């Protein structure tokens, strides 16, 4: 390949190489973002399960407190806990 030493062609080749590297890096980053999105989805599902369990535990604790007459009258009236 015996091409003339044209500065514009040299610049365009360098530019093309840079664009190829950027494209490859973009593909890599796109894949990594996809993995992160999947992991966030799993974490959100696990968080929802934990919150459901906490809700059930809170309901059970409320029932136990009512049965043992441990309920503060302020809570029964709908006031926030520890309100002054």
PDB file of N, CA and C in Angstrom:
ATOM      1  N   UNK A   1       0.834  -1.154   0.000  1.00  0.00           N
ATOM      2  CA  UNK A   1       0.000   0.000   0.000  1.00  0.00           C
ATOM      3  C   UNK A   1       0.891   1.233   0.000  1.00  0.00           C
ATOM      4  N   UNK A   2       1.123   1.735  -1.151  1.00  0.00           N
ATOM      5  CA  UNK A   2       2.023   2.860  -1.316  1.00  0.00           C
ATOM      6  C   UNK A   2       1.197   4.114  -1.554  1.00  0.00           C
ATOM      7  N   UNK A   3       0.734   4.718  -0.427  1.00  0.00           N
ATOM      8  CA  UNK A   3      -0.111   5.900  -0.537  1.00  0.00           C
ATOM      9  C   UNK A   3       0.718   7.149  -0.301  1.00  0.00           C
ATOM     10  N   UNK A   4       0.287   8.225  -0.887  1.00  0.00           N
ATOM     11  CA  UNK A   4       1.009   9.474  -0.665  1.00  0.00           C
ATOM     12  C   UNK A   4       0.893   9.912   0.796  1.00  0.00           C
ATOM     13  N   UNK A   5       1.858  10.668   1.239  1.00  0.00           N
ATOM     14  CA  UNK A   5       1.893  11.138   2.622  1.00  0.00           C
ATOM     15  C   UNK A   5       1.018  12.384   2.748  1.00  0.00           C
ATOM     16  N   UNK A   6      -0.276  12.147   2.760  1.00  0.00           N
ATOM     17  CA  UNK A   6      -1.241  13.229   2.816  1.00  0.00           C
ATOM     18  C   UNK A   6      -1.638  13.469   4.273  1.00  0.00           C
ATOM     19  N   UNK A   7      -1.436  14.680   4.807  1.00  0.00           N
ATOM     20  CA  UNK A   7      -1.763  14.937   6.219  1.00  0.00           C
ATOM     21  C   UNK A   7      -3.251  14.756   6.531  1.00  0.00           C
ATOM     22  N   UNK A   8      -4.110  15.041   5.585  1.00  0.00           N
ATOM     23  CA  UNK A   8      -5.545  14.880   5.823  1.00  0.00           C
ATOM     24  C   UNK A   8      -5.881  13.402   5.963  1.00  0.00           C
ATOM     25  N   UNK A   9      -5.312  12.567   5.100  1.00  0.00           N
ATOM     26  CA  UNK A   9      -5.565  11.128   5.193  1.00  0.00           C
ATOM     27  C   UNK A   9      -5.014  10.564   6.505  1.00  0.00           C
ATOM     28  N   UNK A  10      -3.844  11.021   6.903  1.00  0.00           N
ATOM     29  CA  UNK A  10      -3.258  10.583   8.177  1.00  0.00           C
ATOM     30  C   UNK A  10      -4.179  10.952   9.333  1.00  0.00           C
ATOM     31  N   UNK A  11      -4.673  12.170   9.313  1.00  0.00           N
ATOM     32  CA  UNK A  11      -5.584  12.644  10.361  1.00  0.00           C
ATOM     33  C   UNK A  11      -6.864  11.811  10.367  1.00  0.00           C
ATOM     34  N   UNK A  12      -7.413  11.544   9.189  1.00  0.00           N
ATOM     35  CA  UNK A  12      -8.647  10.760   9.116  1.00  0.00           C
ATOM     36  C   UNK A  12      -8.438   9.337   9.613  1.00  0.00           C
ATOM     37  N   UNK A  13      -7.297   8.729   9.355  1.00  0.00           N
ATOM     38  CA  UNK A  13      -7.001   7.388   9.863  1.00  0.00           C
ATOM     39  C   UNK A  13      -6.913   7.399  11.386  1.00  0.00           C
ATOM     40  N   UNK A  14      -6.228   8.394  11.929  1.00  0.00           N
ATOM     41  CA  UNK A  14      -6.125   8.513  13.383  1.00  0.00           C
ATOM     42  C   UNK A  14      -7.509   8.726  14.002  1.00  0.00           C
ATOM     43  N   UNK A  15      -8.280   9.561  13.361  1.00  0.00           N
ATOM     44  CA  UNK A  15      -9.634   9.829  13.832  1.00  0.00           C
ATOM     45  C   UNK A  15     -10.462   8.549  13.820  1.00  0.00           C
ATOM     46  N   UNK A  16     -10.342   7.763  12.753  1.00  0.00           N
ATOM     47  CA  UNK A  16     -11.071   6.507  12.630  1.00  0.00           C
ATOM     48  C   UNK A  16     -10.652   5.528  13.722  1.00  0.00           C
ATOM     49  N   UNK A  17      -9.371   5.458  14.024  1.00  0.00           N
ATOM     50  CA  UNK A  17      -8.884   4.578  15.086  1.00  0.00           C
ATOM     51  C   UNK A  17      -9.456   5.006  16.445  1.00  0.00           C
ATOM     52  N   UNK A  18      -9.478   6.292  16.667  1.00  0.00           N
ATOM     53  CA  UNK A  18     -10.038   6.786  17.932  1.00  0.00           C
ATOM     54  C   UNK A  18     -11.530   6.456  18.049  1.00  0.00           C
ATOM     55  N   UNK A  19     -12.249   6.626  16.973  1.00  0.00           N
ATOM     56  CA  UNK A  19     -13.678   6.317  16.979  1.00  0.00           C
ATOM     57  C   UNK A  19     -13.886   4.827  17.254  1.00  0.00           C
ATOM     58  N   UNK A  20     -13.051   3.977  16.675  1.00  0.00           N
ATOM     59  CA  UNK A  20     -13.147   2.536  16.925  1.00  0.00           C
ATOM     60  C   UNK A  20     -12.897   2.223  18.400  1.00  0.00           C
ATOM     61  N   UNK A  21     -11.891   2.865  18.994  1.00  0.00           N
ATOM     62  CA  UNK A  21     -11.597   2.635  20.421  1.00  0.00           C
ATOM     63  C   UNK A  21     -12.751   3.122  21.297  1.00  0.00           C
ATOM     64  N   UNK A  22     -13.303   4.268  20.941  1.00  0.00           N
ATOM     65  CA  UNK A  22     -14.443   4.794  21.704  1.00  0.00           C
ATOM     66  C   UNK A  22     -15.631   3.845  21.589  1.00  0.00           C
ATOM     67  N   UNK A  23     -15.875   3.323  20.405  1.00  0.00           N
ATOM     68  CA  UNK A  23     -16.976   2.374  20.215  1.00  0.00           C
ATOM     69  C   UNK A  23     -16.782   1.113  21.037  1.00  0.00           C
ATOM     70  N   UNK A  24     -15.553   0.597  21.057  1.00  0.00           N
ATOM     71  CA  UNK A  24     -15.280  -0.608  21.842  1.00  0.00           C
ATOM     72  C   UNK A  24     -15.480  -0.334  23.328  1.00  0.00           C
ATOM     73  N   UNK A  25     -15.018   0.816  23.768  1.00  0.00           N
ATOM     74  CA  UNK A  25     -15.181   1.182  25.191  1.00  0.00           C
ATOM     75  C   UNK A  25     -16.658   1.375  25.530  1.00  0.00           C
ATOM     76  N   UNK A  26     -17.406   1.963  24.619  1.00  0.00           N
ATOM     77  CA  UNK A  26     -18.841   2.158  24.834  1.00  0.00           C
ATOM     78  C   UNK A  26     -19.558   0.812  24.944  1.00  0.00           C
ATOM     79  N   UNK A  27     -19.174  -0.140  24.109  1.00  0.00           N
ATOM     80  CA  UNK A  27     -19.764  -1.484  24.188  1.00  0.00           C
ATOM     81  C   UNK A  27     -19.480  -2.114  25.545  1.00  0.00           C
ATOM     82  N   UNK A  28     -18.249  -1.964  26.013  1.00  0.00           N
ATOM     83  CA  UNK A  28     -17.862  -2.521  27.312  1.00  0.00           C
ATOM     84  C   UNK A  28     -18.676  -1.871  28.440  1.00  0.00           C
ATOM     85  N   UNK A  29     -18.765  -0.557  28.398  1.00  0.00           N
ATOM     86  CA  UNK A  29     -19.500   0.154  29.447  1.00  0.00           C
ATOM     87  C   UNK A  29     -20.989  -0.155  29.408  1.00  0.00           C
ATOM     88  N   UNK A  30     -21.531  -0.318  28.230  1.00  0.00           N
ATOM     89  CA  UNK A  30     -22.944  -0.672  28.102  1.00  0.00           C
ATOM     90  C   UNK A  30     -23.207  -2.029  28.752  1.00  0.00           C
ATOM     91  N   UNK A  31     -22.320  -2.972  28.541  1.00  0.00           N
ATOM     92  CA  UNK A  31     -22.458  -4.278  29.176  1.00  0.00           C
ATOM     93  C   UNK A  31     -22.372  -4.186  30.685  1.00  0.00           C
ATOM     94  N   UNK A  32     -21.428  -3.380  31.168  1.00  0.00           N
ATOM     95  CA  UNK A  32     -21.269  -3.226  32.612  1.00  0.00           C
ATOM     96  C   UNK A  32     -22.494  -2.563  33.237  1.00  0.00           C
ATOM     97  N   UNK A  33     -23.063  -1.573  32.557  1.00  0.00           N
ATOM     98  CA  UNK A  33     -24.267  -0.914  33.072  1.00  0.00           C
ATOM     99  C   UNK A  33     -25.422  -1.916  33.123  1.00  0.00           C
ATOM    100  N   UNK A  34     -25.512  -2.775  32.129  1.00  0.00           N
ATOM    101  CA  UNK A  34     -26.555  -3.805  32.131  1.00  0.00           C
ATOM    102  C   UNK A  34     -26.438  -4.723  33.339  1.00  0.00           C
ATOM    103  N   UNK A  35     -25.220  -5.117  33.673  1.00  0.00           N
ATOM    104  CA  UNK A  35     -24.993  -5.968  34.847  1.00  0.00           C
ATOM    105  C   UNK A  35     -25.386  -5.222  36.118  1.00  0.00           C
ATOM    106  N   UNK A  36     -25.025  -3.954  36.202  1.00  0.00           N
ATOM    107  CA  UNK A  36     -25.376  -3.153  37.379  1.00  0.00           C
ATOM    108  C   UNK A  36     -26.890  -3.042  37.511  1.00  0.00           C
ATOM    109  N   UNK A  37     -27.580  -2.820  36.404  1.00  0.00           N
ATOM    110  CA  UNK A  37     -29.042  -2.729  36.440  1.00  0.00           C
ATOM    111  C   UNK A  37     -29.661  -4.030  36.946  1.00  0.00           C
ATOM    112  N   UNK A  38     -29.120  -5.158  36.512  1.00  0.00           N
ATOM    113  CA  UNK A  38     -29.630  -6.449  36.977  1.00  0.00           C
ATOM    114  C   UNK A  38     -29.416  -6.596  38.481  1.00  0.00           C
ATOM    115  N   UNK A  39     -28.236  -6.231  38.948  1.00  0.00           N
ATOM    116  CA  UNK A  39     -27.942  -6.346  40.379  1.00  0.00           C
ATOM    117  C   UNK A  39     -28.829  -5.421  41.205  1.00  0.00           C
ATOM    118  N   UNK A  40     -29.086  -4.228  40.702  1.00  0.00           N
ATOM    119  CA  UNK A  40     -29.982  -3.305  41.413  1.00  0.00           C
ATOM    120  C   UNK A  40     -31.383  -3.904  41.485  1.00  0.00           C
ATOM    121  N   UNK A  41     -31.826  -4.540  40.423  1.00  0.00           N
ATOM    122  CA  UNK A  41     -33.138  -5.186  40.431  1.00  0.00           C
ATOM    123  C   UNK A  41     -33.218  -6.274  41.495  1.00  0.00           C
ATOM    124  N   UNK A  42     -32.165  -7.070  41.621  1.00  0.00           N
ATOM    125  CA  UNK A  42     -32.136  -8.118  42.649  1.00  0.00           C
ATOM    126  C   UNK A  42     -32.164  -7.497  44.036  1.00  0.00           C
ATOM    127  N   UNK A  43     -31.401  -6.432  44.236  1.00  0.00           N
ATOM    128  CA  UNK A  43     -31.368  -5.755  45.537  1.00  0.00           C
ATOM    129  C   UNK A  43     -32.747  -5.185  45.870  1.00  0.00           C
ATOM    130  N   UNK A  44     -33.421  -4.605  44.888  1.00  0.00           N
ATOM    131  CA  UNK A  44     -34.761  -4.067  45.115  1.00  0.00           C
ATOM    132  C   UNK A  44     -35.736  -5.171  45.505  1.00  0.00           C
ATOM    133  N   UNK A  45     -35.629  -6.325  44.875  1.00  0.00           N
ATOM    134  CA  UNK A  45     -36.497  -7.448  45.234  1.00  0.00           C
ATOM    135  C   UNK A  45     -36.211  -7.907  46.655  1.00  0.00           C
ATOM    136  N   UNK A  46     -34.934  -8.017  47.001  1.00  0.00           N
ATOM    137  CA  UNK A  46     -34.570  -8.435  48.355  1.00  0.00           C
ATOM    138  C   UNK A  46     -35.036  -7.413  49.382  1.00  0.00           C
ATOM    139  N   UNK A  47     -34.914  -6.147  49.045  1.00  0.00           N
ATOM    140  CA  UNK A  47     -35.365  -5.086  49.943  1.00  0.00           C
ATOM    141  C   UNK A  47     -36.875  -5.174  50.168  1.00  0.00           C
ATOM    142  N   UNK A  48     -37.617  -5.456  49.122  1.00  0.00           N
ATOM    143  CA  UNK A  48     -39.070  -5.585  49.255  1.00  0.00           C
ATOM    144  C   UNK A  48     -39.420  -6.744  50.183  1.00  0.00           C
ATOM    145  N   UNK A  49     -38.699  -7.842  50.078  1.00  0.00           N
ATOM    146  CA  UNK A  49     -38.948  -8.997  50.951  1.00  0.00           C
ATOM    147  C   UNK A  49     -38.659  -8.623  52.404  1.00  0.00           C
ATOM    148  N   UNK A  50     -37.561  -7.933  52.635  1.00  0.00           N
ATOM    149  CA  UNK A  50     -37.209  -7.517  53.995  1.00  0.00           C
ATOM    150  C   UNK A  50     -38.276  -6.579  54.557  1.00  0.00           C
ATOM    151  N   UNK A  51     -38.735  -5.630  53.746  1.00  0.00           N
ATOM    152  CA  UNK A  51     -39.770  -4.699  54.215  1.00  0.00           C
ATOM    153  C   UNK A  51     -41.074  -5.426  54.538  1.00  0.00           C
ATOM    154  N   UNK A  52     -41.430  -6.428  53.739  1.00  0.00           N
ATOM    155  CA  UNK A  52     -42.636  -7.204  54.025  1.00  0.00           C
ATOM    156  C   UNK A  52     -42.498  -7.942  55.353  1.00  0.00           C
ATOM    157  N   UNK A  53     -41.321  -8.512  55.579  1.00  0.00           N
ATOM    158  CA  UNK A  53     -41.089  -9.217  56.840  1.00  0.00           C
ATOM    159  C   UNK A  53     -41.153  -8.252  58.020  1.00  0.00           C
ATOM    160  N   UNK A  54     -40.583  -7.071  57.859  1.00  0.00           N
ATOM    161  CA  UNK A  54     -40.643  -6.079  58.929  1.00  0.00           C
ATOM    162  C   UNK A  54     -42.078  -5.647  59.207  1.00  0.00           C
ATOM    163  N   UNK A  55     -42.865  -5.481  58.165  1.00  0.00           N
ATOM    164  CA  UNK A  55     -44.273  -5.126  58.346  1.00  0.00           C
ATOM    165  C   UNK A  55     -45.007  -6.206  59.134  1.00  0.00           C
ATOM    166  N   UNK A  56     -44.764  -7.466  58.764  1.00  0.00           N
ATOM    167  CA  UNK A  56     -45.418  -8.563  59.487  1.00  0.00           C
ATOM    168  C   UNK A  56     -44.961  -8.606  60.943  1.00  0.00           C
ATOM    169  N   UNK A  57     -43.682  -8.393  61.166  1.00  0.00           N
ATOM    170  CA  UNK A  57     -43.177  -8.386  62.544  1.00  0.00           C
ATOM    171  C   UNK A  57     -43.781  -7.230  63.337  1.00  0.00           C
ATOM    172  N   UNK A  58     -43.937  -6.083  62.703  1.00  0.00           N
ATOM    173  CA  UNK A  58     -44.538  -4.928  63.372  1.00  0.00           C
ATOM    174  C   UNK A  58     -45.992  -5.224  63.742  1.00  0.00           C
ATOM    175  N   UNK A  59     -46.703  -5.867  62.825  1.00  0.00           N
ATOM    176  CA  UNK A  59     -48.095  -6.227  63.110  1.00  0.00           C
ATOM    177  C   UNK A  59     -48.177  -7.220  64.265  1.00  0.00           C
ATOM    178  N   UNK A  60     -47.286  -8.177  64.264  1.00  0.00           N
ATOM    179  CA  UNK A  60     -47.272  -9.166  65.349  1.00  0.00           C
ATOM    180  C   UNK A  60     -46.936  -8.503  66.678  1.00  0.00           C
ATOM    181  N   UNK A  61     -45.979  -7.598  66.669  1.00  0.00           N
ATOM    182  CA  UNK A  61     -45.608  -6.895  67.893  1.00  0.00           C
ATOM    183  C   UNK A  61     -46.774  -6.059  68.411  1.00  0.00           C
ATOM    184  N   UNK A  62     -47.485  -5.407  67.502  1.00  0.00           N
ATOM    185  CA  UNK A  62     -48.666  -4.639  67.907  1.00  0.00           C
ATOM    186  C   UNK A  62     -49.695  -5.539  68.593  1.00  0.00           C
ATOM    187  N   UNK A  63     -49.936  -6.730  68.022  1.00  0.00           N
ATOM    188  CA  UNK A  63     -50.898  -7.651  68.629  1.00  0.00           C
ATOM    189  C   UNK A  63     -50.434  -8.090  70.017  1.00  0.00           C
ATOM    190  N   UNK A  64     -49.145  -8.394  70.157  1.00  0.00           N
ATOM    191  CA  UNK A  64     -48.613  -8.813  71.455  1.00  0.00           C
ATOM    192  C   UNK A  64     -48.765  -7.685  72.471  1.00  0.00           C
ATOM    193  N   UNK A  65     -48.430  -6.465  72.076  1.00  0.00           N
ATOM    194  CA  UNK A  65     -48.543  -5.332  72.997  1.00  0.00           C
ATOM    195  C   UNK A  65     -49.993  -5.111  73.422  1.00  0.00           C
ATOM    196  N   UNK A  66     -50.920  -5.246  72.480  1.00  0.00           N
ATOM    197  CA  UNK A  66     -52.332  -5.066  72.833  1.00  0.00           C
ATOM    198  C   UNK A  66     -52.793  -6.153  73.802  1.00  0.00           C
ATOM    199  N   UNK A  67     -52.371  -7.388  73.565  1.00  0.00           N
ATOM    200  CA  UNK A  67     -52.783  -8.491  74.440  1.00  0.00           C
ATOM    201  C   UNK A  67     -52.219  -8.326  75.851  1.00  0.00           C
ATOM    202  N   UNK A  68     -51.028  -7.771  75.945  1.00  0.00           N
ATOM    203  CA  UNK A  68     -50.395  -7.593  77.256  1.00  0.00           C
ATOM    204  C   UNK A  68     -50.686  -6.221  77.858  1.00  0.00           C
ATOM    205  N   UNK A  69     -51.542  -5.466  77.212  1.00  0.00           N
ATOM    206  CA  UNK A  69     -51.887  -4.106  77.652  1.00  0.00           C
ATOM    207  C   UNK A  69     -50.639  -3.239  77.818  1.00  0.00           C
ATOM    208  N   UNK A  70     -49.742  -3.313  76.856  1.00  0.00           N
ATOM    209  CA  UNK A  70     -48.519  -2.509  76.875  1.00  0.00           C
ATOM    210  C   UNK A  70     -48.592  -1.311  75.941  1.00  0.00           C
ATOM    211  N   UNK A  71     -49.761  -1.068  75.397  1.00  0.00           N
ATOM    212  CA  UNK A  71     -49.916  -0.002  74.412  1.00  0.00           C
ATOM    213  C   UNK A  71     -50.039   1.328  75.138  1.00  0.00           C
ATOM    214  N   UNK A  72     -49.242   2.296  74.727  1.00  0.00           N
ATOM    215  CA  UNK A  72     -49.301   3.650  75.272  1.00  0.00           C
ATOM    216  C   UNK A  72     -50.576   4.320  74.760  1.00  0.00           C
ATOM    217  N   UNK A  73     -51.349   4.954  75.641  1.00  0.00           N
ATOM    218  CA  UNK A  73     -52.592   5.590  75.182  1.00  0.00           C
ATOM    219  C   UNK A  73     -52.351   6.642  74.100  1.00  0.00           C
ATOM    220  N   UNK A  74     -51.204   7.298  74.109  1.00  0.00           N
ATOM    221  CA  UNK A  74     -50.901   8.290  73.073  1.00  0.00           C
ATOM    222  C   UNK A  74     -50.833   7.665  71.694  1.00  0.00           C
ATOM    223  N   UNK A  75     -50.363   6.421  71.607  1.00  0.00           N
ATOM    224  CA  UNK A  75     -50.299   5.742  70.318  1.00  0.00           C
ATOM    225  C   UNK A  75     -51.692   5.396  69.826  1.00  0.00           C
ATOM    226  N   UNK A  76     -52.549   5.050  70.741  1.00  0.00           N
ATOM    227  CA  UNK A  76     -53.903   4.662  70.351  1.00  0.00           C
ATOM    228  C   UNK A  76     -54.678   5.832  69.775  1.00  0.00           C
ATOM    229  N   UNK A  77     -54.324   7.052  70.193  1.00  0.00           N
ATOM    230  CA  UNK A  77     -55.020   8.236  69.697  1.00  0.00           C
ATOM    231  C   UNK A  77     -54.454   8.725  68.369  1.00  0.00           C
ATOM    232  N   UNK A  78     -53.456   8.053  67.852  1.00  0.00           N
ATOM    233  CA  UNK A  78     -52.907   8.413  66.554  1.00  0.00           C
ATOM    234  C   UNK A  78     -51.783   9.419  66.607  1.00  0.00           C
ATOM    235  N   UNK A  79     -51.298   9.736  67.808  1.00  0.00           N
ATOM    236  CA  UNK A  79     -50.183  10.666  67.899  1.00  0.00           C
ATOM    237  C   UNK A  79     -48.890   9.959  67.559  1.00  0.00           C
ATOM    238  N   UNK A  80     -47.920  10.734  67.138  1.00  0.00           N
ATOM    239  CA  UNK A  80     -46.615  10.160  66.812  1.00  0.00           C
ATOM    240  C   UNK A  80     -45.940   9.684  68.095  1.00  0.00           C
ATOM    241  N   UNK A  81     -45.163   8.595  68.014  1.00  0.00           N
ATOM    242  CA  UNK A  81     -44.464   8.128  69.199  1.00  0.00           C
ATOM    243  C   UNK A  81     -43.472   9.173  69.693  1.00  0.00           C
ATOM    244  N   UNK A  82     -43.340   9.254  70.990  1.00  0.00           N
ATOM    245  CA  UNK A  82     -42.394  10.146  71.650  1.00  0.00           C
ATOM    246  C   UNK A  82     -42.679  11.612  71.389  1.00  0.00           C
ATOM    247  N   UNK A  83     -43.917  11.931  71.071  1.00  0.00           N
ATOM    248  CA  UNK A  83     -44.270  13.347  70.863  1.00  0.00           C
ATOM    249  C   UNK A  83     -44.352  14.027  72.214  1.00  0.00           C
ATOM    250  N   UNK A  84     -43.929  15.277  72.269  1.00  0.00           N
ATOM    251  CA  UNK A  84     -43.953  16.022  73.525  1.00  0.00           C
ATOM    252  C   UNK A  84     -45.012  17.084  73.460  1.00  0.00           C
TER     253      UNK A  84
END
